[in-house]
C-alpha atoms as a PDB file:
ATOM      1  CA  MET A   1     -12.925   7.810  18.239  1.00  0.00           C
ATOM      2  CA  GLY A   2     -15.686   9.630  16.363  1.00  0.00           C
ATOM      3  CA  ILE A   3     -16.785   9.057  12.791  1.00  0.00           C
ATOM      4  CA  ILE A   4     -14.596  11.805  11.333  1.00  0.00           C
ATOM      5  CA  GLY A   5     -11.624  10.856  13.490  1.00  0.00           C
ATOM      6  CA  GLY A   6     -12.078   7.200  12.598  1.00  0.00           C
ATOM      7  CA  ALA A   7     -12.240   7.991   8.886  1.00  0.00           C
ATOM      8  CA  LEU A   8      -9.102  10.148   9.026  1.00  0.00           C
ATOM      9  CA  PHE A   9      -7.246   7.503  11.030  1.00  0.00           C
ATOM     10  CA  THR A  10      -8.276   4.812   8.526  1.00  0.00           C
ATOM     11  CA  LEU A  11      -7.086   6.868   5.549  1.00  0.00           C
ATOM     12  CA  LEU A  12      -3.794   7.702   7.253  1.00  0.00           C
ATOM     13  CA  THR A  13      -3.250   4.040   8.168  1.00  0.00           C
ATOM     14  CA  LEU A  14      -3.931   2.895   4.623  1.00  0.00           C
ATOM     15  CA  MET A  15      -1.734   5.516   2.947  1.00  0.00           C
ATOM     16  CA  VAL A  16       1.222   4.933   5.260  1.00  0.00           C
ATOM     17  CA  GLY A  17       0.772   1.167   5.158  1.00  0.00           C
ATOM     18  CA  ALA A  18       0.464   1.045   1.367  1.00  0.00           C
ATOM     19  CA  ALA A  19       3.549   3.244   0.867  1.00  0.00           C
ATOM     20  CA  LEU A  20       5.691   1.178   3.229  1.00  0.00           C
ATOM     21  CA  THR A  21       4.373  -2.025   1.670  1.00  0.00           C
ATOM     22  CA  PHE A  22       5.262  -0.820  -1.821  1.00  0.00           C
ATOM     23  CA  PHE A  23       8.881  -0.085  -0.873  1.00  0.00           C
ATOM     24  CA  LEU A  24       9.254  -3.262   1.205  1.00  0.00           C
ATOM     25  CA  GLU A  25       7.889  -5.398  -1.595  1.00  0.00           C
ATOM     26  CA  ARG A  26      10.125  -3.819  -4.207  1.00  0.00           C
ATOM     27  CA  THR A  27      13.103  -4.484  -1.922  1.00  0.00           C
ATOM     28  CA  LEU A  28      12.274  -8.134  -1.241  1.00  0.00           C
ATOM     29  CA  THR A  29      10.723  -9.384  -4.467  1.00  0.00           C
ATOM     30  CA  PRO A  30      10.801  -8.812  -8.240  1.00  0.00           C
ATOM     31  CA  ALA A  31       8.112  -6.518  -9.631  1.00  0.00           C
ATOM     32  CA  VAL A  32       5.818  -9.259 -10.932  1.00  0.00           C
ATOM     33  CA  GLY A  33       2.134 -10.020 -10.604  1.00  0.00           C
ATOM     34  CA  ALA A  34       0.224  -7.533  -8.467  1.00  0.00           C
ATOM     35  CA  ALA A  35       3.484  -5.653  -7.737  1.00  0.00           C
ATOM     36  CA  GLN A  36       4.352  -4.938 -11.374  1.00  0.00           C
ATOM     37  CA  SER A  37       4.918  -1.396 -12.616  1.00  0.00           C
ATOM     38  CA  LEU A  38       1.901   0.564 -13.821  1.00  0.00           C
ATOM     39  CA  LYS A  39       1.677   3.428 -16.323  1.00  0.00           C
ATOM     40  CA  LEU A  40       0.929   6.203 -13.851  1.00  0.00           C
ATOM     41  CA  SER A  41       1.718   9.031 -16.274  1.00  0.00           C
ATOM     42  CA  LYS A  42      -0.143   7.755 -19.327  1.00  0.00           C
ATOM     43  CA  ASP A  43      -3.865   7.451 -20.018  1.00  0.00           C
ATOM     44  CA  LEU A  44      -4.382   4.423 -22.256  1.00  0.00           C
ATOM     45  CA  GLN A  45      -7.025   4.734 -24.933  1.00  0.00           C
ATOM     46  CA  LEU A  46      -8.807   1.391 -25.369  1.00  0.00           C
ATOM     47  CA  ALA A  47     -11.091   0.916 -28.328  1.00  0.00           C
ATOM     48  CA  HIS A  48     -13.531  -1.431 -26.607  1.00  0.00           C
ATOM     49  CA  ALA A  49     -13.387  -0.193 -23.025  1.00  0.00           C
ATOM     50  CA  ASP A  50     -16.690   0.164 -21.192  1.00  0.00           C
ATOM     51  CA  ARG A  51     -17.336   3.772 -20.229  1.00  0.00           C
ATOM     52  CA  TRP A  52     -18.412   2.926 -16.680  1.00  0.00           C
ATOM     53  CA  MET A  53     -16.961  -0.454 -15.726  1.00  0.00           C
ATOM     54  CA  TYR A  54     -13.381   0.346 -16.770  1.00  0.00           C
ATOM     55  CA  PRO A  55     -12.905   3.304 -14.362  1.00  0.00           C
ATOM     56  CA  ALA A  56     -15.201   1.743 -11.744  1.00  0.00           C
ATOM     57  CA  GLY A  57     -12.748  -1.112 -11.240  1.00  0.00           C
ATOM     58  CA  PRO A  58      -9.897   0.852  -9.601  1.00  0.00           C
ATOM     59  CA  VAL A  59     -12.383   2.914  -7.577  1.00  0.00           C
ATOM     60  CA  SER A  60     -14.054  -0.239  -6.227  1.00  0.00           C
ATOM     61  CA  ALA A  61     -10.673  -1.783  -5.399  1.00  0.00           C
ATOM     62  CA  LEU A  62      -9.522   1.321  -3.515  1.00  0.00           C
ATOM     63  CA  PHE A  63     -12.851   1.526  -1.692  1.00  0.00           C
ATOM     64  CA  GLY A  64     -12.624  -2.109  -0.610  1.00  0.00           C
ATOM     65  CA  VAL A  65      -9.150  -1.878   0.859  1.00  0.00           C
ATOM     66  CA  THR A  66      -9.969   1.416   2.610  1.00  0.00           C
ATOM     67  CA  VAL A  67     -13.083   0.189   4.390  1.00  0.00           C
ATOM     68  CA  ALA A  68     -11.279  -3.055   5.292  1.00  0.00           C
ATOM     69  CA  ALA A  69      -8.540  -1.037   7.029  1.00  0.00           C
ATOM     70  CA  ALA A  70     -11.180   0.576   9.253  1.00  0.00           C
ATOM     71  CA  VAL A  71     -11.472  -2.474  11.542  1.00  0.00           C
ATOM     72  CA  LEU A  72      -7.730  -3.052  12.047  1.00  0.00           C
ATOM     73  CA  PRO A  73      -6.845  -2.199  15.685  1.00  0.00           C
ATOM     74  CA  PHE A  74      -3.498  -0.537  16.428  1.00  0.00           C
ATOM     75  CA  GLY A  75      -4.232  -0.184  20.133  1.00  0.00           C
ATOM     76  CA  PRO A  76      -7.030  -0.831  22.652  1.00  0.00           C
ATOM     77  CA  SER A  77      -8.917   2.223  21.382  1.00  0.00           C
ATOM     78  CA  LEU A  78      -6.871   3.073  18.275  1.00  0.00           C
ATOM     79  CA  ILE A  79      -9.143   1.764  15.544  1.00  0.00           C
ATOM     80  CA  GLY A  80     -11.169   3.398  12.802  1.00  0.00           C
ATOM     81  CA  ALA A  81     -14.391   1.503  13.582  1.00  0.00           C
ATOM     82  CA  ASP A  82     -14.588  -0.979  16.457  1.00  0.00           C
ATOM     83  CA  LEU A  83     -17.388  -3.182  15.141  1.00  0.00           C
ATOM     84  CA  GLY A  84     -18.636  -6.165  17.069  1.00  0.00           C
ATOM     85  CA  ILE A  85     -18.439  -8.206  13.868  1.00  0.00           C
ATOM     86  CA  GLY A  86     -15.165  -6.698  12.648  1.00  0.00           C
ATOM     87  CA  ALA A  87     -13.557  -9.943  11.459  1.00  0.00           C
ATOM     88  CA  PHE A  88     -16.640 -10.970   9.463  1.00  0.00           C
ATOM     89  CA  TYR A  89     -16.950  -7.452   8.075  1.00  0.00           C
ATOM     90  CA  PHE A  90     -13.299  -7.571   6.970  1.00  0.00           C
ATOM     91  CA  ILE A  91     -13.745 -10.859   5.104  1.00  0.00           C
ATOM     92  CA  VAL A  92     -16.665  -9.405   3.173  1.00  0.00           C
ATOM     93  CA  VAL A  93     -15.414  -5.929   2.268  1.00  0.00           C
ATOM     94  CA  VAL A  94     -11.807  -6.823   1.408  1.00  0.00           C
ATOM     95  CA  ASP A  95     -13.074  -8.798  -1.573  1.00  0.00           C
ATOM     96  CA  PHE A  96     -14.282  -5.544  -3.102  1.00  0.00           C
ATOM     97  CA  VAL A  97     -10.664  -5.360  -4.244  1.00  0.00           C
ATOM     98  CA  VAL A  98     -11.203  -8.581  -6.203  1.00  0.00           C
ATOM     99  CA  LEU A  99     -14.472  -7.178  -7.540  1.00  0.00           C
ATOM    100  CA  GLY A 100     -12.709  -3.995  -8.612  1.00  0.00           C
ATOM    101  CA  VAL A 101      -9.931  -5.800 -10.463  1.00  0.00           C
ATOM    102  CA  ALA A 102     -12.489  -8.081 -12.097  1.00  0.00           C
ATOM    103  CA  LEU A 103     -14.664  -5.114 -13.144  1.00  0.00           C
ATOM    104  CA  GLY A 104     -11.685  -3.283 -14.568  1.00  0.00           C
ATOM    105  CA  GLY A 105     -10.545  -6.329 -16.526  1.00  0.00           C
ATOM    106  CA  TRP A 106     -13.957  -6.968 -18.025  1.00  0.00           C
ATOM    107  CA  GLY A 107     -14.533  -3.283 -18.682  1.00  0.00           C
ATOM    108  CA  ALA A 108     -11.179  -2.865 -20.452  1.00  0.00           C
ATOM    109  CA  GLY A 109     -12.412  -5.148 -23.207  1.00  0.00           C
ATOM    110  CA  THR A 110      -8.994  -6.471 -24.284  1.00  0.00           C
ATOM    111  CA  ARG A 111      -8.262 -10.178 -24.677  1.00  0.00           C
ATOM    112  CA  ASP A 112      -5.692 -10.399 -21.885  1.00  0.00           C
ATOM    113  CA  ALA A 113      -7.714  -8.265 -19.455  1.00  0.00           C
ATOM    114  CA  VAL A 114     -10.887 -10.328 -19.966  1.00  0.00           C
ATOM    115  CA  GLU A 115      -8.910 -13.558 -19.608  1.00  0.00           C
ATOM    116  CA  GLY A 116      -7.515 -12.161 -16.372  1.00  0.00           C
ATOM    117  CA  PHE A 117     -11.087 -11.484 -15.232  1.00  0.00           C
ATOM    118  CA  TYR A 118     -11.982 -15.162 -15.534  1.00  0.00           C
ATOM    119  CA  ARG A 119      -8.849 -16.272 -13.719  1.00  0.00           C
ATOM    120  CA  ILE A 120      -9.360 -13.736 -10.923  1.00  0.00           C
ATOM    121  CA  THR A 121     -12.833 -15.182 -10.353  1.00  0.00           C
ATOM    122  CA  ALA A 122     -11.471 -18.741 -10.343  1.00  0.00           C
ATOM    123  CA  GLN A 123      -8.744 -17.771  -7.860  1.00  0.00           C
ATOM    124  CA  LEU A 124     -11.372 -16.285  -5.554  1.00  0.00           C
ATOM    125  CA  VAL A 125     -13.192 -19.621  -5.597  1.00  0.00           C
ATOM    126  CA  SER A 126      -9.957 -21.464  -4.786  1.00  0.00           C
ATOM    127  CA  TYR A 127      -9.030 -19.508  -1.654  1.00  0.00           C
ATOM    128  CA  VAL A 128     -12.266 -18.265  -0.114  1.00  0.00           C
ATOM    129  CA  VAL A 129     -13.225 -21.488   1.728  1.00  0.00           C
ATOM    130  CA  PRO A 130      -9.790 -22.358   3.196  1.00  0.00           C
ATOM    131  CA  LEU A 131      -9.219 -18.698   4.101  1.00  0.00           C
ATOM    132  CA  GLY A 132     -12.522 -18.708   5.974  1.00  0.00           C
ATOM    133  CA  LEU A 133     -11.410 -21.826   7.841  1.00  0.00           C
ATOM    134  CA  ALA A 134      -8.156 -20.060   8.795  1.00  0.00           C
ATOM    135  CA  TYR A 135     -10.321 -17.354  10.403  1.00  0.00           C
ATOM    136  CA  VAL A 136     -12.674 -19.800  12.106  1.00  0.00           C
ATOM    137  CA  GLY A 137     -10.033 -21.344  14.366  1.00  0.00           C
ATOM    138  CA  ALA A 138      -8.983 -17.961  15.767  1.00  0.00           C
ATOM    139  CA  LEU A 139     -12.593 -16.798  16.120  1.00  0.00           C
ATOM    140  CA  MET A 140     -13.569 -19.974  17.965  1.00  0.00           C
ATOM    141  CA  MET A 141     -10.774 -19.574  20.481  1.00  0.00           C
ATOM    142  CA  ALA A 142     -11.431 -15.856  20.994  1.00  0.00           C
ATOM    143  CA  ALA A 143     -15.212 -16.463  21.159  1.00  0.00           C
ATOM    144  CA  SER A 144     -15.694 -13.151  19.374  1.00  0.00           C
ATOM    145  CA  LEU A 145     -15.866 -11.545  15.930  1.00  0.00           C
ATOM    146  CA  SER A 146     -14.503  -8.246  17.248  1.00  0.00           C
ATOM    147  CA  THR A 147     -10.939  -7.599  16.119  1.00  0.00           C
ATOM    148  CA  THR A 148     -10.109  -5.857  19.396  1.00  0.00           C
ATOM    149  CA  GLN A 149     -11.501  -8.772  21.411  1.00  0.00           C
ATOM    150  CA  ILE A 150      -9.499 -11.246  19.326  1.00  0.00           C
ATOM    151  CA  VAL A 151      -6.334  -9.385  20.282  1.00  0.00           C
ATOM    152  CA  GLN A 152      -7.350  -9.134  23.946  1.00  0.00           C
ATOM    153  CA  ALA A 153      -7.930 -12.911  24.018  1.00  0.00           C
ATOM    154  CA  GLN A 154      -4.225 -13.418  23.250  1.00  0.00           C
ATOM    155  CA  ARG A 155      -2.907 -11.632  26.348  1.00  0.00           C
ATOM    156  CA  ASP A 156      -1.597 -14.886  27.831  1.00  0.00           C
ATOM    157  CA  VAL A 157      -0.581 -16.718  24.668  1.00  0.00           C
ATOM    158  CA  TRP A 158      -0.686 -15.846  20.972  1.00  0.00           C
ATOM    159  CA  PHE A 159      -2.878 -18.046  18.838  1.00  0.00           C
ATOM    160  CA  ILE A 160       0.064 -18.998  16.618  1.00  0.00           C
ATOM    161  CA  VAL A 161       1.285 -21.118  19.566  1.00  0.00           C
ATOM    162  CA  LEU A 162      -2.048 -22.913  19.946  1.00  0.00           C
ATOM    163  CA  GLN A 163      -2.872 -23.061  16.220  1.00  0.00           C
ATOM    164  CA  PRO A 164       0.313 -23.372  14.146  1.00  0.00           C
ATOM    165  CA  LEU A 165      -1.663 -25.246  11.480  1.00  0.00           C
ATOM    166  CA  GLY A 166      -4.168 -22.395  11.214  1.00  0.00           C
ATOM    167  CA  PHE A 167      -1.333 -19.873  10.948  1.00  0.00           C
ATOM    168  CA  ILE A 168       0.283 -21.795   8.084  1.00  0.00           C
ATOM    169  CA  LEU A 169      -3.102 -21.984   6.366  1.00  0.00           C
ATOM    170  CA  TYR A 170      -3.476 -18.212   6.722  1.00  0.00           C
ATOM    171  CA  LEU A 171      -0.023 -17.628   5.214  1.00  0.00           C
ATOM    172  CA  VAL A 172      -0.907 -19.598   2.086  1.00  0.00           C
ATOM    173  CA  THR A 173      -4.431 -18.293   1.606  1.00  0.00           C
ATOM    174  CA  GLY A 174      -3.340 -14.743   2.458  1.00  0.00           C
ATOM    175  CA  LEU A 175      -0.863 -14.859  -0.424  1.00  0.00           C
ATOM    176  CA  MET A 176      -3.645 -16.131  -2.679  1.00  0.00           C
ATOM    177  CA  GLN A 177      -5.944 -13.323  -1.561  1.00  0.00           C
ATOM    178  CA  ALA A 178      -3.236 -10.707  -2.134  1.00  0.00           C
ATOM    179  CA  TYR A 179      -2.256 -12.118  -5.572  1.00  0.00           C
ATOM    180  CA  ARG A 180       1.404 -12.430  -4.641  1.00  0.00           C
ATOM    181  CA  ALA A 181       3.892 -15.099  -5.663  1.00  0.00           C
ATOM    182  CA  PRO A 182       3.332 -17.909  -6.325  1.00  0.00           C
ATOM    183  CA  PHE A 183      -0.376 -17.088  -6.795  1.00  0.00           C
ATOM    184  CA  TYR A 184      -0.448 -14.293  -9.354  1.00  0.00           C
ATOM    185  CA  GLU A 185      -1.525 -15.939 -12.602  1.00  0.00           C
ATOM    186  CA  PRO A 186      -4.298 -13.369 -13.380  1.00  0.00           C
ATOM    187  CA  PHE A 187      -1.488 -10.772 -13.671  1.00  0.00           C
ATOM    188  CA  SER A 188       1.204 -13.049 -15.079  1.00  0.00           C
ATOM    189  CA  GLU A 189       3.484 -12.500 -18.046  1.00  0.00           C
ATOM    190  CA  HIS A 190       1.751 -15.037 -20.295  1.00  0.00           C
ATOM    191  CA  LEU A 191      -1.446 -12.975 -19.945  1.00  0.00           C
ATOM    192  CA  GLY A 192       0.468  -9.798 -20.727  1.00  0.00           C
ATOM    193  CA  GLY A 193      -0.083  -8.602 -17.156  1.00  0.00           C
ATOM    194  CA  GLY A 194      -3.861  -8.999 -17.438  1.00  0.00           C
ATOM    195  CA  MET A 195      -5.869  -6.006 -16.312  1.00  0.00           C
ATOM    196  CA  LEU A 196      -2.772  -4.247 -14.909  1.00  0.00           C
ATOM    197  CA  SER A 197      -1.307  -3.825 -18.396  1.00  0.00           C
ATOM    198  CA  VAL A 198      -4.269  -1.785 -19.652  1.00  0.00           C
ATOM    199  CA  ILE A 199      -4.638   0.767 -16.873  1.00  0.00           C
ATOM    200  CA  GLY A 200      -3.093   4.225 -16.725  1.00  0.00           C
ATOM    201  CA  ASP A 201      -3.140   7.742 -15.205  1.00  0.00           C
ATOM    202  CA  TRP A 202      -5.297   8.216 -12.058  1.00  0.00           C
ATOM    203  CA  LYS A 203      -6.810   4.753 -12.467  1.00  0.00           C
ATOM    204  CA  ALA A 204      -3.350   3.201 -12.278  1.00  0.00           C
ATOM    205  CA  LEU A 205      -2.530   5.233  -9.157  1.00  0.00           C
ATOM    206  CA  ALA A 206      -5.761   4.139  -7.449  1.00  0.00           C
ATOM    207  CA  LEU A 207      -5.075   0.524  -8.354  1.00  0.00           C
ATOM    208  CA  ARG A 208      -1.459   0.715  -7.200  1.00  0.00           C
ATOM    209  CA  ILE A 209      -2.576   1.968  -3.772  1.00  0.00           C
ATOM    210  CA  ALA A 210      -5.279  -0.714  -3.639  1.00  0.00           C
ATOM    211  CA  MET A 211      -2.945  -3.601  -4.501  1.00  0.00           C
ATOM    212  CA  ALA A 212      -0.223  -2.473  -2.076  1.00  0.00           C
ATOM    213  CA  GLY A 213      -2.880  -1.778   0.544  1.00  0.00           C
ATOM    214  CA  LEU A 214      -4.360  -5.236  -0.010  1.00  0.00           C
ATOM    215  CA  LEU A 215      -1.124  -6.942   1.025  1.00  0.00           C
ATOM    216  CA  PHE A 216      -0.886  -4.583   4.001  1.00  0.00           C
ATOM    217  CA  VAL A 217      -4.390  -5.234   5.357  1.00  0.00           C
ATOM    218  CA  VAL A 218      -4.110  -9.000   4.791  1.00  0.00           C
ATOM    219  CA  SER A 219      -0.841  -9.032   6.756  1.00  0.00           C
ATOM    220  CA  ALA A 220      -2.308  -6.807   9.476  1.00  0.00           C
ATOM    221  CA  MET A 221      -5.301  -9.093   9.892  1.00  0.00           C
ATOM    222  CA  GLY A 222      -2.917 -12.039  10.173  1.00  0.00           C
ATOM    223  CA  ALA A 223      -1.149 -10.189  12.991  1.00  0.00           C
ATOM    224  CA  VAL A 224      -4.517  -9.660  14.692  1.00  0.00           C
ATOM    225  CA  LEU A 225      -5.637 -13.280  14.338  1.00  0.00           C
ATOM    226  CA  TYR A 226      -2.430 -15.088  15.231  1.00  0.00           C
ATOM    227  CA  LEU A 227       0.305 -12.761  16.526  1.00  0.00           C
ATOM    228  CA  GLY A 228      -1.430 -10.867  19.303  1.00  0.00           C
ATOM    229  CA  GLY A 229      -1.923  -7.652  17.346  1.00  0.00           C
ATOM    230  CA  TRP A 230      -0.705  -4.642  19.330  1.00  0.00           C
ATOM    231  CA  LEU A 231       0.281  -6.681  22.418  1.00  0.00           C
ATOM    232  CA  GLY A 232       3.918  -6.601  23.512  1.00  0.00           C
ATOM    233  CA  PRO A 233       6.274  -5.208  26.175  1.00  0.00           C
ATOM    234  CA  TRP A 234       8.082  -1.866  26.309  1.00  0.00           C
ATOM    235  CA  LEU A 235       7.077  -0.470  22.890  1.00  0.00           C
ATOM    236  CA  PRO A 236       3.838   1.457  22.256  1.00  0.00           C
ATOM    237  CA  PRO A 237       0.934  -0.664  20.914  1.00  0.00           C
ATOM    238  CA  PRO A 238       0.920   0.862  17.376  1.00  0.00           C
ATOM    239  CA  VAL A 239       4.628   0.083  16.992  1.00  0.00           C
ATOM    240  CA  TRP A 240       4.061  -3.553  17.929  1.00  0.00           C
ATOM    241  CA  MET A 241       1.173  -3.803  15.473  1.00  0.00           C
ATOM    242  CA  LEU A 242       3.250  -2.363  12.629  1.00  0.00           C
ATOM    243  CA  LEU A 243       6.271  -4.519  13.464  1.00  0.00           C
ATOM    244  CA  LYS A 244       4.188  -7.690  13.471  1.00  0.00           C
ATOM    245  CA  THR A 245       2.375  -6.688  10.284  1.00  0.00           C
ATOM    246  CA  PHE A 246       5.543  -6.057   8.304  1.00  0.00           C
ATOM    247  CA  ALA A 247       7.316  -9.072   9.790  1.00  0.00           C
ATOM    248  CA  LEU A 248       4.427 -11.246   8.628  1.00  0.00           C
ATOM    249  CA  MET A 249       4.441  -9.546   5.245  1.00  0.00           C
ATOM    250  CA  ALA A 250       8.173 -10.159   4.836  1.00  0.00           C
ATOM    251  CA  LEU A 251       7.683 -13.815   5.776  1.00  0.00           C
ATOM    252  CA  MET A 252       4.862 -14.218   3.258  1.00  0.00           C
ATOM    253  CA  LEU A 253       6.841 -12.596   0.455  1.00  0.00           C
ATOM    254  CA  TRP A 254       9.949 -14.631   1.258  1.00  0.00           C
ATOM    255  CA  LEU A 255       8.003 -17.895   1.322  1.00  0.00           C
ATOM    256  CA  GLY A 256       6.192 -17.022  -1.893  1.00  0.00           C
ATOM    257  CA  ARG A 257       9.487 -16.689  -3.754  1.00  0.00           C
ATOM    258  CA  ARG A 258      10.492 -20.221  -2.746  1.00  0.00           C
ATOM    259  CA  PHE A 259       7.904 -21.785  -5.056  1.00  0.00           C
ATOM    260  CA  GLN A 260       7.212 -21.771  -8.771  1.00  0.00           C
ATOM    261  CA  PRO A 261       4.116 -19.803  -9.885  1.00  0.00           C
ATOM    262  CA  LEU A 262       0.946 -21.904  -9.873  1.00  0.00           C
ATOM    263  CA  SER A 263      -1.715 -21.950 -12.560  1.00  0.00           C
ATOM    264  CA  THR A 264      -5.384 -21.413 -11.730  1.00  0.00           C
ATOM    265  CA  ALA A 265      -6.046 -25.145 -12.112  1.00  0.00           C
ATOM    266  CA  GLN A 266      -3.192 -25.945  -9.724  1.00  0.00           C
ATOM    267  CA  MET A 267      -4.555 -23.448  -7.189  1.00  0.00           C
ATOM    268  CA  LEU A 268      -7.994 -25.037  -7.304  1.00  0.00           C
ATOM    269  CA  SER A 269      -6.444 -28.469  -6.865  1.00  0.00           C
ATOM    270  CA  LEU A 270      -4.314 -27.231  -3.956  1.00  0.00           C
ATOM    271  CA  ALA A 271      -7.374 -25.732  -2.270  1.00  0.00           C
ATOM    272  CA  TRP A 272      -9.661 -28.760  -2.523  1.00  0.00           C
ATOM    273  CA  ARG A 273      -7.063 -31.470  -1.924  1.00  0.00           C
ATOM    274  CA  ILE A 274      -4.899 -29.888   0.766  1.00  0.00           C
ATOM    275  CA  LEU A 275      -6.007 -26.500   2.105  1.00  0.00           C
ATOM    276  CA  ILE A 276      -9.658 -27.267   2.879  1.00  0.00           C
ATOM    277  CA  PRO A 277      -8.886 -30.609   4.618  1.00  0.00           C
ATOM    278  CA  THR A 278      -6.132 -28.816   6.565  1.00  0.00           C
ATOM    279  CA  GLY A 279      -8.562 -26.095   7.606  1.00  0.00           C
ATOM    280  CA  LEU A 280     -11.154 -28.628   8.756  1.00  0.00           C
ATOM    281  CA  LEU A 281      -8.489 -30.497  10.732  1.00  0.00           C
ATOM    282  CA  ASN A 282      -7.432 -27.250  12.403  1.00  0.00           C
ATOM    283  CA  VAL A 283     -11.033 -26.491  13.386  1.00  0.00           C
ATOM    284  CA  LEU A 284     -11.338 -29.960  14.940  1.00  0.00           C
ATOM    285  CA  ILE A 285      -8.091 -29.471  16.867  1.00  0.00           C
ATOM    286  CA  VAL A 286      -9.188 -26.062  18.122  1.00  0.00           C
ATOM    287  CA  GLY A 287     -12.518 -27.509  19.195  1.00  0.00           C
ATOM    288  CA  GLY A 288     -10.672 -30.170  21.162  1.00  0.00           C
ATOM    289  CA  LEU A 289      -8.432 -27.578  22.806  1.00  0.00           C
ATOM    290  CA  ILE A 290     -11.446 -25.501  23.846  1.00  0.00           C
ATOM    291  CA  LEU A 291     -13.187 -28.560  25.332  1.00  0.00           C
ATOM    292  CA  ALA A 292      -9.974 -29.353  27.220  1.00  0.00           C
ATOM    293  CA  GLY A 293      -9.880 -25.831  28.653  1.00  0.00           C
ATOM    294  CA  VAL A 294      -6.806 -24.745  26.734  1.00  0.00           C
ATOM    295  CA  GLY A 295      -6.640 -21.118  25.641  1.00  0.00           C
ATOM    296  CA  PRO A 296      -8.368 -17.933  26.894  1.00  0.00           C
ATOM    297  CA  GLN A 297     -11.014 -18.565  29.522  1.00  0.00           C
END
């Protein structure tokens, strides 16, 4: 797939994925946190908004989720950009969404939006290490950073079977990365919705696509790492990839609703006391399995 074809495929994937995610999420969960309603038809006039940072936030968020979607494979050759370091690339660029939301909150200049900025940064600190460990187990077993190679390595057995602990870790940290329940304090009611409450018109539309797209790409990467991506009998590869992505998304949203919302301090405590030790344990187990000759050869 050429550069132009890859770019068009990436945009189409993101738009379709974000739209389906938006309707699925509204069906399964209340419109809270990152899924709350935005003022798409109204341009808010903020007295202390920064001329550049305020609009740059939604643009950065949309850019981040778009370039992250480029390395998601929907078939052996159906991918926007088949990079040899696709998984590492994804980890880096998807956090442009966090940067965008943080920029927009700081640039808005309101009390709640700036407070949300600080909490967004703290939440990033809480999930980034355990999320990385959730990736490491799958990357070790696949012996590759390529997203297509990670899928190919699961032809005999999906990594969820060999690494159930890593899969659970990805579920939790994926929800934290996507700012969905119970990890949505930067956009919570007691902060007045944070940055999302002070965004309108085209900026709100860009941010809505970015936040729905964020949940989509996080779920799709989970399908790549642990559910065998496009692999499956009878159905075409893209159908399997979409089915696994939205099944994982539905599971994440359902699980998130089972717990009370956590504060930023509780998220940091959860990360350092439970998630990071769990991730290290999973890496040790995977290392043992590889030494024992279990998994793809």
